[in-house]
Amino acid sequence: MSKDNFDEIIRRSMEIRKKYRELELMHHGSEWTVEEDALAYLTDAGLVGRNIMSQQQRWPKAGSEAQLEHKLGENIWWLIVLAERSGIDIRKAVDQFLIKTEAALK
């Protein structure tokens, strides 16, 4: 994936988050905190695990293949949102992780 594509994914992710913020204000009178976003991410991460179990025929659940694909995308979206809300450049964070891990595995 090119840097421009990743930048576009980040831009689109934050636009979606902005629209969710509007819904939070309309329904609850306040936007979710970073902690609430983190909890939502953790919930979705758990659903990835459950859908993987179903895909691997270790948990009976209908429609898990489409749900797994959706939840994997949603988890990446949440990580982008959490990074942005925490003041972390996700591009730099991923790059530094890859550099450090690649060096450790040489």
C-alpha atoms as a PDB file:
ATOM      1  CA  MET A   1       0.000   0.000   0.000  1.00  0.00           C
ATOM      2  CA  SER A   2       1.392   3.390  -0.905  1.00  0.00           C
ATOM      3  CA  LYS A   3       1.751   6.202   1.614  1.00  0.00           C
ATOM      4  CA  ASP A   4      -0.922   8.159  -0.259  1.00  0.00           C
ATOM      5  CA  ASN A   5      -3.388   5.286   0.080  1.00  0.00           C
ATOM      6  CA  PHE A   6      -2.721   4.978   3.805  1.00  0.00           C
ATOM      7  CA  ASP A   7      -3.147   8.738   4.215  1.00  0.00           C
ATOM      8  CA  GLU A   8      -6.496   8.460   2.407  1.00  0.00           C
ATOM      9  CA  ILE A   9      -7.578   5.618   4.702  1.00  0.00           C
ATOM     10  CA  ILE A  10      -6.688   7.755   7.717  1.00  0.00           C
ATOM     11  CA  ARG A  11      -8.588  10.752   6.309  1.00  0.00           C
ATOM     12  CA  ARG A  12     -11.687   8.662   5.586  1.00  0.00           C
ATOM     13  CA  SER A  13     -11.468   7.002   8.988  1.00  0.00           C
ATOM     14  CA  MET A  14     -11.467  10.333  10.769  1.00  0.00           C
ATOM     15  CA  GLU A  15     -14.383  11.564   8.657  1.00  0.00           C
ATOM     16  CA  ILE A  16     -16.396   8.526   9.742  1.00  0.00           C
ATOM     17  CA  ARG A  17     -15.406   9.133  13.372  1.00  0.00           C
ATOM     18  CA  LYS A  18     -16.610  12.725  13.038  1.00  0.00           C
ATOM     19  CA  LYS A  19     -20.017  11.486  11.873  1.00  0.00           C
ATOM     20  CA  TYR A  20     -20.214   9.070  14.808  1.00  0.00           C
ATOM     21  CA  ARG A  21     -19.358  11.974  17.114  1.00  0.00           C
ATOM     22  CA  GLU A  22     -22.364  13.852  15.744  1.00  0.00           C
ATOM     23  CA  LEU A  23     -24.582  10.838  16.500  1.00  0.00           C
ATOM     24  CA  GLU A  24     -23.159  10.599  20.040  1.00  0.00           C
ATOM     25  CA  LEU A  25     -23.967  14.248  20.656  1.00  0.00           C
ATOM     26  CA  MET A  26     -27.477  13.799  19.277  1.00  0.00           C
ATOM     27  CA  HIS A  27     -28.222  10.624  21.276  1.00  0.00           C
ATOM     28  CA  HIS A  28     -26.221  11.167  24.475  1.00  0.00           C
ATOM     29  CA  GLY A  29     -25.459  14.877  24.666  1.00  0.00           C
ATOM     30  CA  SER A  30     -21.696  14.266  24.674  1.00  0.00           C
ATOM     31  CA  GLU A  31     -19.111  12.532  22.556  1.00  0.00           C
ATOM     32  CA  TRP A  32     -17.426   9.341  23.638  1.00  0.00           C
ATOM     33  CA  THR A  33     -14.187   9.686  25.555  1.00  0.00           C
ATOM     34  CA  VAL A  34     -10.979   8.096  24.320  1.00  0.00           C
ATOM     35  CA  GLU A  35     -11.542   5.444  26.980  1.00  0.00           C
ATOM     36  CA  GLU A  36     -14.981   4.635  25.537  1.00  0.00           C
ATOM     37  CA  ASP A  37     -13.460   4.409  22.068  1.00  0.00           C
ATOM     38  CA  ALA A  38     -10.830   2.027  23.465  1.00  0.00           C
ATOM     39  CA  LEU A  39     -13.510  -0.132  25.062  1.00  0.00           C
ATOM     40  CA  ALA A  40     -15.444  -0.254  21.780  1.00  0.00           C
ATOM     41  CA  TYR A  41     -12.234  -1.321  20.015  1.00  0.00           C
ATOM     42  CA  LEU A  42     -11.618  -4.066  22.578  1.00  0.00           C
ATOM     43  CA  THR A  43     -15.172  -5.312  22.136  1.00  0.00           C
ATOM     44  CA  ASP A  44     -14.678  -5.497  18.382  1.00  0.00           C
ATOM     45  CA  ALA A  45     -11.286  -7.191  18.839  1.00  0.00           C
ATOM     46  CA  GLY A  46     -13.058  -9.863  20.858  1.00  0.00           C
ATOM     47  CA  LEU A  47     -15.555 -10.301  18.034  1.00  0.00           C
ATOM     48  CA  VAL A  48     -12.647 -10.874  15.634  1.00  0.00           C
ATOM     49  CA  GLY A  49     -11.575 -13.733  17.877  1.00  0.00           C
ATOM     50  CA  ARG A  50     -15.064 -15.218  17.965  1.00  0.00           C
ATOM     51  CA  ASN A  51     -15.434 -14.949  14.176  1.00  0.00           C
ATOM     52  CA  ILE A  52     -12.011 -16.555  13.647  1.00  0.00           C
ATOM     53  CA  MET A  53     -13.137 -19.420  15.880  1.00  0.00           C
ATOM     54  CA  SER A  54     -16.262 -19.797  13.752  1.00  0.00           C
ATOM     55  CA  GLN A  55     -14.303 -19.613  10.509  1.00  0.00           C
ATOM     56  CA  GLN A  56     -12.025 -22.343  11.815  1.00  0.00           C
ATOM     57  CA  GLN A  57     -15.091 -24.392  12.781  1.00  0.00           C
ATOM     58  CA  ARG A  58     -14.375 -24.162  16.503  1.00  0.00           C
ATOM     59  CA  TRP A  59     -17.498 -22.126  17.334  1.00  0.00           C
ATOM     60  CA  PRO A  60     -20.935 -22.501  15.712  1.00  0.00           C
ATOM     61  CA  LYS A  61     -22.017 -19.186  14.237  1.00  0.00           C
ATOM     62  CA  ALA A  62     -23.742 -18.428  10.944  1.00  0.00           C
ATOM     63  CA  GLY A  63     -22.410 -15.705   8.661  1.00  0.00           C
ATOM     64  CA  SER A  64     -19.071 -15.401  10.394  1.00  0.00           C
ATOM     65  CA  GLU A  65     -17.017 -15.037   7.201  1.00  0.00           C
ATOM     66  CA  ALA A  66     -18.627 -11.708   6.216  1.00  0.00           C
ATOM     67  CA  GLN A  67     -18.639 -10.550   9.845  1.00  0.00           C
ATOM     68  CA  LEU A  68     -14.943 -11.419  10.197  1.00  0.00           C
ATOM     69  CA  GLU A  69     -14.035  -9.356   7.155  1.00  0.00           C
ATOM     70  CA  HIS A  70     -16.077  -6.422   8.457  1.00  0.00           C
ATOM     71  CA  LYS A  71     -14.631  -6.632  11.978  1.00  0.00           C
ATOM     72  CA  LEU A  72     -11.033  -6.842  10.724  1.00  0.00           C
ATOM     73  CA  GLY A  73     -11.588  -3.624   8.781  1.00  0.00           C
ATOM     74  CA  GLU A  74     -13.352  -2.049  11.745  1.00  0.00           C
ATOM     75  CA  ASN A  75     -10.475  -2.936  14.077  1.00  0.00           C
ATOM     76  CA  ILE A  76      -7.997  -1.175  11.793  1.00  0.00           C
ATOM     77  CA  TRP A  77     -10.355   1.799  11.733  1.00  0.00           C
ATOM     78  CA  TRP A  78     -10.500   1.844  15.551  1.00  0.00           C
ATOM     79  CA  LEU A  79      -6.691   1.733  15.802  1.00  0.00           C
ATOM     80  CA  ILE A  80      -6.434   4.715  13.466  1.00  0.00           C
ATOM     81  CA  VAL A  81      -9.033   6.606  15.513  1.00  0.00           C
ATOM     82  CA  LEU A  82      -7.342   5.755  18.824  1.00  0.00           C
ATOM     83  CA  ALA A  83      -3.945   6.818  17.503  1.00  0.00           C
ATOM     84  CA  GLU A  84      -5.305  10.132  16.220  1.00  0.00           C
ATOM     85  CA  ARG A  85      -7.189  10.828  19.456  1.00  0.00           C
ATOM     86  CA  SER A  86      -4.058   9.990  21.468  1.00  0.00           C
ATOM     87  CA  GLY A  87      -1.804  12.270  19.431  1.00  0.00           C
ATOM     88  CA  ILE A  88       0.148   9.362  17.913  1.00  0.00           C
ATOM     89  CA  ASP A  89       1.139   9.280  14.249  1.00  0.00           C
ATOM     90  CA  ILE A  90      -0.043   5.797  13.245  1.00  0.00           C
ATOM     91  CA  ARG A  91       2.208   5.856  10.164  1.00  0.00           C
ATOM     92  CA  LYS A  92       5.275   6.410  12.316  1.00  0.00           C
ATOM     93  CA  ALA A  93       4.120   3.935  14.972  1.00  0.00           C
ATOM     94  CA  VAL A  94       3.665   1.122  12.443  1.00  0.00           C
ATOM     95  CA  ASP A  95       6.945   1.932  10.693  1.00  0.00           C
ATOM     96  CA  GLN A  96       8.880   1.970  13.982  1.00  0.00           C
ATOM     97  CA  PHE A  97       7.272  -1.307  15.044  1.00  0.00           C
ATOM     98  CA  LEU A  98       8.223  -2.963  11.748  1.00  0.00           C
ATOM     99  CA  ILE A  99      11.807  -1.664  11.875  1.00  0.00           C
ATOM    100  CA  LYS A 100      12.295  -2.784  15.484  1.00  0.00           C
ATOM    101  CA  THR A 101      10.696  -6.182  14.959  1.00  0.00           C
ATOM    102  CA  GLU A 102      12.528  -6.879  11.710  1.00  0.00           C
ATOM    103  CA  ALA A 103      15.837  -6.039  13.404  1.00  0.00           C
ATOM    104  CA  ALA A 104      15.017  -8.271  16.356  1.00  0.00           C
ATOM    105  CA  LEU A 105      14.240 -11.207  14.069  1.00  0.00           C
ATOM    106  CA  LYS A 106      17.431 -11.019  11.962  1.00  0.00           C
END
